[in-house]
Amino acid sequence: MFKDEEIPVYDDDELIQFTLNLVPEEFEARIDADKIQWVLDVVYDYYEEKGYIDEDLAQEASIDEMEMFEYIEKAAKKDKIDLRDEEIKFILDCEYDYGVSLGVYTEE
């Protein structure tokens, strides 16, 4: 358990910059801050829909990565967001790495 001053701060702006710093050359023309933010918003929607975000509950959850990925793909088609599967996967990988660096996620 964290003491109040040790609680990791998950910051979308930091995460977006973290991701932009790692964008491979082949994705540079297609991935920008808005698309990263859109993916993050959909991830949060997925977490809320699954009940993973509960202010009264602070426990570790096991996320079905394939189900979340398919949820994002479906949302991208619906919202007409032009992201390829490998670009979505890259953004999700960066989000995970950022979370691990903060101690929000633990590696399995």
PDB file of N, CA and C in Angstrom:
ATOM      1  N   MET A   1       0.841  -1.175   0.000  1.00  0.00           N
ATOM      2  CA  MET A   1       0.000   0.000   0.000  1.00  0.00           C
ATOM      3  C   MET A   1       0.890   1.243   0.000  1.00  0.00           C
ATOM      4  N   PHE A   2       0.451   2.280  -0.698  1.00  0.00           N
ATOM      5  CA  PHE A   2       1.227   3.513  -0.806  1.00  0.00           C
ATOM      6  C   PHE A   2       0.851   4.478   0.299  1.00  0.00           C
ATOM      7  N   LYS A   3       1.861   5.210   0.781  1.00  0.00           N
ATOM      8  CA  LYS A   3       1.577   6.361   1.631  1.00  0.00           C
ATOM      9  C   LYS A   3       1.064   7.440   0.697  1.00  0.00           C
ATOM     10  N   ASP A   4       0.335   8.425   1.222  1.00  0.00           N
ATOM     11  CA  ASP A   4      -0.247   9.462   0.377  1.00  0.00           C
ATOM     12  C   ASP A   4       0.763  10.087  -0.575  1.00  0.00           C
ATOM     13  N   GLU A   5       1.961  10.374  -0.085  1.00  0.00           N
ATOM     14  CA  GLU A   5       2.933  11.031  -0.935  1.00  0.00           C
ATOM     15  C   GLU A   5       3.568  10.082  -1.950  1.00  0.00           C
ATOM     16  N   GLU A   6       3.331   8.778  -1.826  1.00  0.00           N
ATOM     17  CA  GLU A   6       3.918   7.802  -2.733  1.00  0.00           C
ATOM     18  C   GLU A   6       2.961   7.333  -3.820  1.00  0.00           C
ATOM     19  N   ILE A   7       1.724   7.796  -3.822  1.00  0.00           N
ATOM     20  CA  ILE A   7       0.761   7.358  -4.817  1.00  0.00           C
ATOM     21  C   ILE A   7       1.215   7.833  -6.193  1.00  0.00           C
ATOM     22  N   PRO A   8       1.371   6.904  -7.135  1.00  0.00           N
ATOM     23  CA  PRO A   8       1.826   7.313  -8.464  1.00  0.00           C
ATOM     24  C   PRO A   8       0.795   8.213  -9.143  1.00  0.00           C
ATOM     25  N   VAL A   9       1.296   9.202  -9.861  1.00  0.00           N
ATOM     26  CA  VAL A   9       0.423  10.128 -10.570  1.00  0.00           C
ATOM     27  C   VAL A   9       0.441   9.767 -12.047  1.00  0.00           C
ATOM     28  N   TYR A  10      -0.697   9.326 -12.546  1.00  0.00           N
ATOM     29  CA  TYR A  10      -0.858   8.953 -13.943  1.00  0.00           C
ATOM     30  C   TYR A  10      -1.331  10.202 -14.673  1.00  0.00           C
ATOM     31  N   ASP A  11      -0.494  10.733 -15.548  1.00  0.00           N
ATOM     32  CA  ASP A  11      -0.756  12.005 -16.209  1.00  0.00           C
ATOM     33  C   ASP A  11      -0.864  11.777 -17.719  1.00  0.00           C
ATOM     34  N   ASP A  12      -2.048  12.040 -18.283  1.00  0.00           N
ATOM     35  CA  ASP A  12      -2.255  11.828 -19.716  1.00  0.00           C
ATOM     36  C   ASP A  12      -1.265  12.620 -20.565  1.00  0.00           C
ATOM     37  N   ASP A  13      -1.006  13.864 -20.190  1.00  0.00           N
ATOM     38  CA  ASP A  13      -0.082  14.683 -20.982  1.00  0.00           C
ATOM     39  C   ASP A  13       1.322  14.077 -20.989  1.00  0.00           C
ATOM     40  N   GLU A  14       1.753  13.588 -19.831  1.00  0.00           N
ATOM     41  CA  GLU A  14       3.055  12.915 -19.748  1.00  0.00           C
ATOM     42  C   GLU A  14       3.071  11.652 -20.592  1.00  0.00           C
ATOM     43  N   LEU A  15       1.987  10.897 -20.510  1.00  0.00           N
ATOM     44  CA  LEU A  15       1.887   9.662 -21.289  1.00  0.00           C
ATOM     45  C   LEU A  15       1.908   9.959 -22.782  1.00  0.00           C
ATOM     46  N   ILE A  16       1.199  10.986 -23.200  1.00  0.00           N
ATOM     47  CA  ILE A  16       1.191  11.347 -24.624  1.00  0.00           C
ATOM     48  C   ILE A  16       2.598  11.722 -25.067  1.00  0.00           C
ATOM     49  N   GLN A  17       3.302  12.526 -24.280  1.00  0.00           N
ATOM     50  CA  GLN A  17       4.671  12.904 -24.640  1.00  0.00           C
ATOM     51  C   GLN A  17       5.586  11.693 -24.630  1.00  0.00           C
ATOM     52  N   PHE A  18       5.427  10.818 -23.649  1.00  0.00           N
ATOM     53  CA  PHE A  18       6.186   9.563 -23.562  1.00  0.00           C
ATOM     54  C   PHE A  18       6.010   8.772 -24.862  1.00  0.00           C
ATOM     55  N   THR A  19       4.761   8.655 -25.315  1.00  0.00           N
ATOM     56  CA  THR A  19       4.445   7.898 -26.530  1.00  0.00           C
ATOM     57  C   THR A  19       5.013   8.581 -27.768  1.00  0.00           C
ATOM     58  N   LEU A  20       4.824   9.891 -27.872  1.00  0.00           N
ATOM     59  CA  LEU A  20       5.340  10.625 -29.033  1.00  0.00           C
ATOM     60  C   LEU A  20       6.857  10.499 -29.148  1.00  0.00           C
ATOM     61  N   ASN A  21       7.537  10.435 -28.013  1.00  0.00           N
ATOM     62  CA  ASN A  21       9.002  10.287 -28.026  1.00  0.00           C
ATOM     63  C   ASN A  21       9.442   8.920 -28.552  1.00  0.00           C
ATOM     64  N   LEU A  22       8.538   7.948 -28.527  1.00  0.00           N
ATOM     65  CA  LEU A  22       8.885   6.586 -28.945  1.00  0.00           C
ATOM     66  C   LEU A  22       8.315   6.185 -30.303  1.00  0.00           C
ATOM     67  N   VAL A  23       7.547   7.069 -30.930  1.00  0.00           N
ATOM     68  CA  VAL A  23       6.895   6.728 -32.206  1.00  0.00           C
ATOM     69  C   VAL A  23       7.960   6.367 -33.244  1.00  0.00           C
ATOM     70  N   PRO A  24       7.840   5.156 -33.797  1.00  0.00           N
ATOM     71  CA  PRO A  24       8.802   4.771 -34.833  1.00  0.00           C
ATOM     72  C   PRO A  24       8.562   5.583 -36.117  1.00  0.00           C
ATOM     73  N   GLU A  25       9.592   5.693 -36.900  1.00  0.00           N
ATOM     74  CA  GLU A  25       9.541   6.497 -38.120  1.00  0.00           C
ATOM     75  C   GLU A  25       8.359   6.137 -39.019  1.00  0.00           C
ATOM     76  N   GLU A  26       8.059   4.849 -39.139  1.00  0.00           N
ATOM     77  CA  GLU A  26       6.974   4.435 -40.044  1.00  0.00           C
ATOM     78  C   GLU A  26       5.583   4.878 -39.562  1.00  0.00           C
ATOM     79  N   PHE A  27       5.459   5.278 -38.305  1.00  0.00           N
ATOM     80  CA  PHE A  27       4.170   5.741 -37.779  1.00  0.00           C
ATOM     81  C   PHE A  27       4.105   7.267 -37.616  1.00  0.00           C
ATOM     82  N   GLU A  28       5.231   7.952 -37.792  1.00  0.00           N
ATOM     83  CA  GLU A  28       5.289   9.383 -37.484  1.00  0.00           C
ATOM     84  C   GLU A  28       4.219  10.211 -38.182  1.00  0.00           C
ATOM     85  N   ALA A  29       3.917   9.904 -39.415  1.00  0.00           N
ATOM     86  CA  ALA A  29       2.937  10.692 -40.164  1.00  0.00           C
ATOM     87  C   ALA A  29       1.497  10.351 -39.771  1.00  0.00           C
ATOM     88  N   ARG A  30       1.306   9.268 -39.030  1.00  0.00           N
ATOM     89  CA  ARG A  30      -0.050   8.800 -38.738  1.00  0.00           C
ATOM     90  C   ARG A  30      -0.461   8.916 -37.270  1.00  0.00           C
ATOM     91  N   ILE A  31       0.506   8.957 -36.368  1.00  0.00           N
ATOM     92  CA  ILE A  31       0.191   9.024 -34.937  1.00  0.00           C
ATOM     93  C   ILE A  31       0.531  10.414 -34.425  1.00  0.00           C
ATOM     94  N   ASP A  32      -0.469  11.050 -33.834  1.00  0.00           N
ATOM     95  CA  ASP A  32      -0.255  12.364 -33.230  1.00  0.00           C
ATOM     96  C   ASP A  32      -0.901  12.380 -31.844  1.00  0.00           C
ATOM     97  N   ALA A  33      -0.769  13.487 -31.156  1.00  0.00           N
ATOM     98  CA  ALA A  33      -1.287  13.595 -29.785  1.00  0.00           C
ATOM     99  C   ALA A  33      -2.794  13.350 -29.729  1.00  0.00           C
ATOM    100  N   ASP A  34      -3.534  13.822 -30.721  1.00  0.00           N
ATOM    101  CA  ASP A  34      -4.993  13.634 -30.720  1.00  0.00           C
ATOM    102  C   ASP A  34      -5.381  12.161 -30.830  1.00  0.00           C
ATOM    103  N   LYS A  35      -4.687  11.419 -31.673  1.00  0.00           N
ATOM    104  CA  LYS A  35      -4.999   9.991 -31.812  1.00  0.00           C
ATOM    105  C   LYS A  35      -4.613   9.222 -30.545  1.00  0.00           C
ATOM    106  N   ILE A  36      -3.501   9.605 -29.939  1.00  0.00           N
ATOM    107  CA  ILE A  36      -3.109   8.955 -28.683  1.00  0.00           C
ATOM    108  C   ILE A  36      -4.160   9.234 -27.618  1.00  0.00           C
ATOM    109  N   GLN A  37      -4.588  10.483 -27.503  1.00  0.00           N
ATOM    110  CA  GLN A  37      -5.606  10.846 -26.521  1.00  0.00           C
ATOM    111  C   GLN A  37      -6.906  10.091 -26.792  1.00  0.00           C
ATOM    112  N   TRP A  38      -7.268   9.948 -28.057  1.00  0.00           N
ATOM    113  CA  TRP A  38      -8.488   9.214 -28.404  1.00  0.00           C
ATOM    114  C   TRP A  38      -8.384   7.769 -27.905  1.00  0.00           C
ATOM    115  N   VAL A  39      -7.235   7.118 -28.159  1.00  0.00           N
ATOM    116  CA  VAL A  39      -7.053   5.730 -27.691  1.00  0.00           C
ATOM    117  C   VAL A  39      -7.158   5.676 -26.168  1.00  0.00           C
ATOM    118  N   LEU A  40      -6.525   6.619 -25.477  1.00  0.00           N
ATOM    119  CA  LEU A  40      -6.593   6.636 -24.011  1.00  0.00           C
ATOM    120  C   LEU A  40      -8.039   6.789 -23.534  1.00  0.00           C
ATOM    121  N   ASP A  41      -8.792   7.662 -24.180  1.00  0.00           N
ATOM    122  CA  ASP A  41     -10.200   7.855 -23.806  1.00  0.00           C
ATOM    123  C   ASP A  41     -10.991   6.565 -23.981  1.00  0.00           C
ATOM    124  N   VAL A  42     -10.735   5.847 -25.069  1.00  0.00           N
ATOM    125  CA  VAL A  42     -11.449   4.590 -25.317  1.00  0.00           C
ATOM    126  C   VAL A  42     -11.021   3.532 -24.309  1.00  0.00           C
ATOM    127  N   VAL A  43      -9.749   3.508 -23.948  1.00  0.00           N
ATOM    128  CA  VAL A  43      -9.274   2.578 -22.911  1.00  0.00           C
ATOM    129  C   VAL A  43     -10.015   2.852 -21.600  1.00  0.00           C
ATOM    130  N   TYR A  44     -10.129   4.128 -21.232  1.00  0.00           N
ATOM    131  CA  TYR A  44     -10.844   4.487 -20.000  1.00  0.00           C
ATOM    132  C   TYR A  44     -12.313   4.074 -20.094  1.00  0.00           C
ATOM    133  N   ASP A  45     -12.924   4.264 -21.277  1.00  0.00           N
ATOM    134  CA  ASP A  45     -14.311   3.819 -21.471  1.00  0.00           C
ATOM    135  C   ASP A  45     -14.423   2.314 -21.254  1.00  0.00           C
ATOM    136  N   TYR A  46     -13.463   1.580 -21.801  1.00  0.00           N
ATOM    137  CA  TYR A  46     -13.449   0.121 -21.641  1.00  0.00           C
ATOM    138  C   TYR A  46     -13.333  -0.250 -20.160  1.00  0.00           C
ATOM    139  N   TYR A  47     -12.389   0.401 -19.444  1.00  0.00           N
ATOM    140  CA  TYR A  47     -12.204   0.117 -18.023  1.00  0.00           C
ATOM    141  C   TYR A  47     -13.485   0.414 -17.241  1.00  0.00           C
ATOM    142  N   GLU A  48     -14.124   1.527 -17.547  1.00  0.00           N
ATOM    143  CA  GLU A  48     -15.368   1.880 -16.860  1.00  0.00           C
ATOM    144  C   GLU A  48     -16.456   0.855 -17.145  1.00  0.00           C
ATOM    145  N   GLU A  49     -16.597   0.485 -18.414  1.00  0.00           N
ATOM    146  CA  GLU A  49     -17.630  -0.488 -18.804  1.00  0.00           C
ATOM    147  C   GLU A  49     -17.425  -1.828 -18.099  1.00  0.00           C
ATOM    148  N   LYS A  50     -16.177  -2.203 -17.904  1.00  0.00           N
ATOM    149  CA  LYS A  50     -15.859  -3.480 -17.250  1.00  0.00           C
ATOM    150  C   LYS A  50     -15.854  -3.375 -15.725  1.00  0.00           C
ATOM    151  N   GLY A  51     -15.998  -2.154 -15.197  1.00  0.00           N
ATOM    152  CA  GLY A  51     -16.031  -1.982 -13.752  1.00  0.00           C
ATOM    153  C   GLY A  51     -14.652  -1.930 -13.113  1.00  0.00           C
ATOM    154  N   TYR A  52     -13.610  -1.685 -13.913  1.00  0.00           N
ATOM    155  CA  TYR A  52     -12.253  -1.623 -13.375  1.00  0.00           C
ATOM    156  C   TYR A  52     -11.960  -0.296 -12.690  1.00  0.00           C
ATOM    157  N   ILE A  53     -12.749   0.717 -12.986  1.00  0.00           N
ATOM    158  CA  ILE A  53     -12.537   2.034 -12.373  1.00  0.00           C
ATOM    159  C   ILE A  53     -13.625   2.234 -11.336  1.00  0.00           C
ATOM    160  N   ASP A  54     -13.217   2.152 -10.091  1.00  0.00           N
ATOM    161  CA  ASP A  54     -14.138   2.337  -8.984  1.00  0.00           C
ATOM    162  C   ASP A  54     -13.365   3.063  -7.895  1.00  0.00           C
ATOM    163  N   GLU A  55     -13.789   4.267  -7.588  1.00  0.00           N
ATOM    164  CA  GLU A  55     -13.069   5.091  -6.618  1.00  0.00           C
ATOM    165  C   GLU A  55     -12.951   4.428  -5.252  1.00  0.00           C
ATOM    166  N   ASP A  56     -13.882   3.556  -4.898  1.00  0.00           N
ATOM    167  CA  ASP A  56     -13.857   2.895  -3.596  1.00  0.00           C
ATOM    168  C   ASP A  56     -13.071   1.594  -3.617  1.00  0.00           C
ATOM    169  N   LEU A  57     -12.583   1.223  -4.783  1.00  0.00           N
ATOM    170  CA  LEU A  57     -11.931  -0.063  -4.946  1.00  0.00           C
ATOM    171  C   LEU A  57     -10.524   0.154  -5.492  1.00  0.00           C
ATOM    172  N   ALA A  58      -9.531  -0.312  -4.783  1.00  0.00           N
ATOM    173  CA  ALA A  58      -8.152  -0.180  -5.245  1.00  0.00           C
ATOM    174  C   ALA A  58      -7.523  -1.561  -5.245  1.00  0.00           C
ATOM    175  N   GLN A  59      -7.861  -2.324  -6.262  1.00  0.00           N
ATOM    176  CA  GLN A  59      -7.298  -3.661  -6.355  1.00  0.00           C
ATOM    177  C   GLN A  59      -6.824  -3.919  -7.770  1.00  0.00           C
ATOM    178  N   GLU A  60      -5.944  -4.878  -7.886  1.00  0.00           N
ATOM    179  CA  GLU A  60      -5.394  -5.221  -9.187  1.00  0.00           C
ATOM    180  C   GLU A  60      -6.413  -6.034  -9.972  1.00  0.00           C
ATOM    181  N   ALA A  61      -6.518  -5.742 -11.259  1.00  0.00           N
ATOM    182  CA  ALA A  61      -7.436  -6.466 -12.132  1.00  0.00           C
ATOM    183  C   ALA A  61      -6.640  -7.105 -13.255  1.00  0.00           C
ATOM    184  N   SER A  62      -7.140  -8.206 -13.742  1.00  0.00           N
ATOM    185  CA  SER A  62      -6.533  -8.857 -14.893  1.00  0.00           C
ATOM    186  C   SER A  62      -7.318  -8.435 -16.132  1.00  0.00           C
ATOM    187  N   ILE A  63      -6.646  -7.767 -17.053  1.00  0.00           N
ATOM    188  CA  ILE A  63      -7.285  -7.219 -18.240  1.00  0.00           C
ATOM    189  C   ILE A  63      -7.145  -8.209 -19.391  1.00  0.00           C
ATOM    190  N   ASP A  64      -8.252  -8.478 -20.080  1.00  0.00           N
ATOM    191  CA  ASP A  64      -8.222  -9.295 -21.283  1.00  0.00           C
ATOM    192  C   ASP A  64      -7.763  -8.384 -22.423  1.00  0.00           C
ATOM    193  N   GLU A  65      -6.489  -8.467 -22.753  1.00  0.00           N
ATOM    194  CA  GLU A  65      -5.901  -7.550 -23.735  1.00  0.00           C
ATOM    195  C   GLU A  65      -6.536  -7.672 -25.108  1.00  0.00           C
ATOM    196  N   MET A  66      -6.866  -8.889 -25.533  1.00  0.00           N
ATOM    197  CA  MET A  66      -7.483  -9.083 -26.847  1.00  0.00           C
ATOM    198  C   MET A  66      -8.877  -8.451 -26.877  1.00  0.00           C
ATOM    199  N   GLU A  67      -9.629  -8.631 -25.814  1.00  0.00           N
ATOM    200  CA  GLU A  67     -10.966  -8.050 -25.737  1.00  0.00           C
ATOM    201  C   GLU A  67     -10.877  -6.515 -25.768  1.00  0.00           C
ATOM    202  N   MET A  68      -9.919  -5.950 -25.037  1.00  0.00           N
ATOM    203  CA  MET A  68      -9.751  -4.496 -25.033  1.00  0.00           C
ATOM    204  C   MET A  68      -9.337  -4.008 -26.418  1.00  0.00           C
ATOM    205  N   PHE A  69      -8.438  -4.721 -27.065  1.00  0.00           N
ATOM    206  CA  PHE A  69      -7.988  -4.354 -28.402  1.00  0.00           C
ATOM    207  C   PHE A  69      -9.174  -4.357 -29.374  1.00  0.00           C
ATOM    208  N   GLU A  70      -9.989  -5.384 -29.316  1.00  0.00           N
ATOM    209  CA  GLU A  70     -11.169  -5.471 -30.196  1.00  0.00           C
ATOM    210  C   GLU A  70     -12.159  -4.349 -29.895  1.00  0.00           C
ATOM    211  N   TYR A  71     -12.297  -3.977 -28.640  1.00  0.00           N
ATOM    212  CA  TYR A  71     -13.156  -2.862 -28.227  1.00  0.00           C
ATOM    213  C   TYR A  71     -12.666  -1.568 -28.879  1.00  0.00           C
ATOM    214  N   ILE A  72     -11.356  -1.362 -28.882  1.00  0.00           N
ATOM    215  CA  ILE A  72     -10.767  -0.163 -29.481  1.00  0.00           C
ATOM    216  C   ILE A  72     -10.936  -0.187 -30.999  1.00  0.00           C
ATOM    217  N   GLU A  73     -10.709  -1.331 -31.623  1.00  0.00           N
ATOM    218  CA  GLU A  73     -10.904  -1.453 -33.073  1.00  0.00           C
ATOM    219  C   GLU A  73     -12.330  -1.081 -33.466  1.00  0.00           C
ATOM    220  N   LYS A  74     -13.283  -1.614 -32.739  1.00  0.00           N
ATOM    221  CA  LYS A  74     -14.692  -1.337 -33.019  1.00  0.00           C
ATOM    222  C   LYS A  74     -14.999   0.157 -32.856  1.00  0.00           C
ATOM    223  N   ALA A  75     -14.470   0.757 -31.801  1.00  0.00           N
ATOM    224  CA  ALA A  75     -14.679   2.187 -31.566  1.00  0.00           C
ATOM    225  C   ALA A  75     -14.027   3.019 -32.672  1.00  0.00           C
ATOM    226  N   ALA A  76     -12.869   2.602 -33.152  1.00  0.00           N
ATOM    227  CA  ALA A  76     -12.179   3.332 -34.221  1.00  0.00           C
ATOM    228  C   ALA A  76     -13.016   3.329 -35.495  1.00  0.00           C
ATOM    229  N   LYS A  77     -13.604   2.186 -35.812  1.00  0.00           N
ATOM    230  CA  LYS A  77     -14.473   2.117 -36.998  1.00  0.00           C
ATOM    231  C   LYS A  77     -15.691   3.011 -36.824  1.00  0.00           C
ATOM    232  N   LYS A  78     -16.292   2.947 -35.649  1.00  0.00           N
ATOM    233  CA  LYS A  78     -17.482   3.746 -35.362  1.00  0.00           C
ATOM    234  C   LYS A  78     -17.177   5.247 -35.433  1.00  0.00           C
ATOM    235  N   ASP A  79     -16.047   5.645 -34.835  1.00  0.00           N
ATOM    236  CA  ASP A  79     -15.668   7.059 -34.775  1.00  0.00           C
ATOM    237  C   ASP A  79     -14.887   7.525 -36.005  1.00  0.00           C
ATOM    238  N   LYS A  80     -14.655   6.589 -36.941  1.00  0.00           N
ATOM    239  CA  LYS A  80     -13.893   6.890 -38.161  1.00  0.00           C
ATOM    240  C   LYS A  80     -12.499   7.452 -37.854  1.00  0.00           C
ATOM    241  N   ILE A  81     -11.823   6.780 -36.921  1.00  0.00           N
ATOM    242  CA  ILE A  81     -10.452   7.127 -36.553  1.00  0.00           C
ATOM    243  C   ILE A  81      -9.526   6.238 -37.381  1.00  0.00           C
ATOM    244  N   ASP A  82      -8.651   6.857 -38.143  1.00  0.00           N
ATOM    245  CA  ASP A  82      -7.766   6.136 -39.047  1.00  0.00           C
ATOM    246  C   ASP A  82      -6.510   5.666 -38.310  1.00  0.00           C
ATOM    247  N   LEU A  83      -6.627   4.512 -37.668  1.00  0.00           N
ATOM    248  CA  LEU A  83      -5.492   3.877 -37.003  1.00  0.00           C
ATOM    249  C   LEU A  83      -5.441   2.412 -37.425  1.00  0.00           C
ATOM    250  N   ARG A  84      -4.268   1.980 -37.795  1.00  0.00           N
ATOM    251  CA  ARG A  84      -4.061   0.570 -38.141  1.00  0.00           C
ATOM    252  C   ARG A  84      -3.869  -0.237 -36.859  1.00  0.00           C
ATOM    253  N   ASP A  85      -4.078  -1.540 -36.974  1.00  0.00           N
ATOM    254  CA  ASP A  85      -3.927  -2.424 -35.811  1.00  0.00           C
ATOM    255  C   ASP A  85      -2.571  -2.252 -35.133  1.00  0.00           C
ATOM    256  N   GLU A  86      -1.511  -2.199 -35.933  1.00  0.00           N
ATOM    257  CA  GLU A  86      -0.170  -2.097 -35.348  1.00  0.00           C
ATOM    258  C   GLU A  86       0.045  -0.749 -34.652  1.00  0.00           C
ATOM    259  N   GLU A  87      -0.638   0.284 -35.098  1.00  0.00           N
ATOM    260  CA  GLU A  87      -0.532   1.591 -34.452  1.00  0.00           C
ATOM    261  C   GLU A  87      -1.276   1.604 -33.117  1.00  0.00           C
ATOM    262  N   ILE A  88      -2.434   0.971 -33.097  1.00  0.00           N
ATOM    263  CA  ILE A  88      -3.177   0.843 -31.836  1.00  0.00           C
ATOM    264  C   ILE A  88      -2.346   0.043 -30.846  1.00  0.00           C
ATOM    265  N   LYS A  89      -1.782  -1.062 -31.318  1.00  0.00           N
ATOM    266  CA  LYS A  89      -0.955  -1.902 -30.445  1.00  0.00           C
ATOM    267  C   LYS A  89       0.233  -1.112 -29.908  1.00  0.00           C
ATOM    268  N   PHE A  90       0.872  -0.318 -30.752  1.00  0.00           N
ATOM    269  CA  PHE A  90       2.001   0.499 -30.304  1.00  0.00           C
ATOM    270  C   PHE A  90       1.578   1.453 -29.188  1.00  0.00           C
ATOM    271  N   ILE A  91       0.456   2.146 -29.372  1.00  0.00           N
ATOM    272  CA  ILE A  91      -0.028   3.089 -28.360  1.00  0.00           C
ATOM    273  C   ILE A  91      -0.347   2.352 -27.060  1.00  0.00           C
ATOM    274  N   LEU A  92      -0.990   1.192 -27.163  1.00  0.00           N
ATOM    275  CA  LEU A  92      -1.303   0.406 -25.967  1.00  0.00           C
ATOM    276  C   LEU A  92      -0.032  -0.071 -25.264  1.00  0.00           C
ATOM    277  N   ASP A  93       0.964  -0.470 -26.037  1.00  0.00           N
ATOM    278  CA  ASP A  93       2.234  -0.900 -25.444  1.00  0.00           C
ATOM    279  C   ASP A  93       2.892   0.259 -24.684  1.00  0.00           C
ATOM    280  N   CYS A  94       2.846   1.455 -25.274  1.00  0.00           N
ATOM    281  CA  CYS A  94       3.417   2.631 -24.603  1.00  0.00           C
ATOM    282  C   CYS A  94       2.640   2.952 -23.330  1.00  0.00           C
ATOM    283  N   GLU A  95       1.323   2.847 -23.399  1.00  0.00           N
ATOM    284  CA  GLU A  95       0.493   3.115 -22.218  1.00  0.00           C
ATOM    285  C   GLU A  95       0.860   2.138 -21.104  1.00  0.00           C
ATOM    286  N   TYR A  96       1.041   0.880 -21.460  1.00  0.00           N
ATOM    287  CA  TYR A  96       1.415  -0.136 -20.471  1.00  0.00           C
ATOM    288  C   TYR A  96       2.805   0.160 -19.893  1.00  0.00           C
ATOM    289  N   ASP A  97       3.776   0.447 -20.767  1.00  0.00           N
ATOM    290  CA  ASP A  97       5.138   0.731 -20.300  1.00  0.00           C
ATOM    291  C   ASP A  97       5.160   1.949 -19.378  1.00  0.00           C
ATOM    292  N   TYR A  98       4.386   2.957 -19.726  1.00  0.00           N
ATOM    293  CA  TYR A  98       4.295   4.152 -18.879  1.00  0.00           C
ATOM    294  C   TYR A  98       3.716   3.772 -17.512  1.00  0.00           C
ATOM    295  N   GLY A  99       2.640   2.982 -17.516  1.00  0.00           N
ATOM    296  CA  GLY A  99       2.018   2.542 -16.264  1.00  0.00           C
ATOM    297  C   GLY A  99       2.962   1.724 -15.405  1.00  0.00           C
ATOM    298  N   VAL A 100       3.753   0.843 -16.043  1.00  0.00           N
ATOM    299  CA  VAL A 100       4.740   0.049 -15.310  1.00  0.00           C
ATOM    300  C   VAL A 100       5.797   0.965 -14.700  1.00  0.00           C
ATOM    301  N   SER A 101       6.224   1.979 -15.459  1.00  0.00           N
ATOM    302  CA  SER A 101       7.261   2.884 -14.950  1.00  0.00           C
ATOM    303  C   SER A 101       6.798   3.655 -13.715  1.00  0.00           C
ATOM    304  N   LEU A 102       5.488   3.856 -13.601  1.00  0.00           N
ATOM    305  CA  LEU A 102       4.931   4.554 -12.437  1.00  0.00           C
ATOM    306  C   LEU A 102       4.592   3.605 -11.289  1.00  0.00           C
ATOM    307  N   GLY A 103       4.536   2.311 -11.593  1.00  0.00           N
ATOM    308  CA  GLY A 103       4.113   1.343 -10.592  1.00  0.00           C
ATOM    309  C   GLY A 103       2.603   1.146 -10.564  1.00  0.00           C
ATOM    310  N   VAL A 104       1.909   1.691 -11.570  1.00  0.00           N
ATOM    311  CA  VAL A 104       0.455   1.526 -11.664  1.00  0.00           C
ATOM    312  C   VAL A 104       0.135   0.091 -12.095  1.00  0.00           C
ATOM    313  N   TYR A 105       0.947  -0.438 -13.015  1.00  0.00           N
ATOM    314  CA  TYR A 105       0.799  -1.813 -13.478  1.00  0.00           C
ATOM    315  C   TYR A 105       1.991  -2.613 -12.995  1.00  0.00           C
ATOM    316  N   THR A 106       1.775  -3.912 -12.837  1.00  0.00           N
ATOM    317  CA  THR A 106       2.876  -4.808 -12.535  1.00  0.00           C
ATOM    318  C   THR A 106       3.017  -5.772 -13.698  1.00  0.00           C
ATOM    319  N   GLU A 107       4.247  -6.104 -14.030  1.00  0.00           N
ATOM    320  CA  GLU A 107       4.477  -7.027 -15.121  1.00  0.00           C
ATOM    321  C   GLU A 107       4.150  -8.438 -14.657  1.00  0.00           C
ATOM    322  N   GLU A 108       3.517  -9.186 -15.554  1.00  0.00           N
ATOM    323  CA  GLU A 108       3.153 -10.572 -15.215  1.00  0.00           C
ATOM    324  C   GLU A 108       4.233 -11.519 -15.623  1.00  0.00           C
TER     325      GLU A 108
END
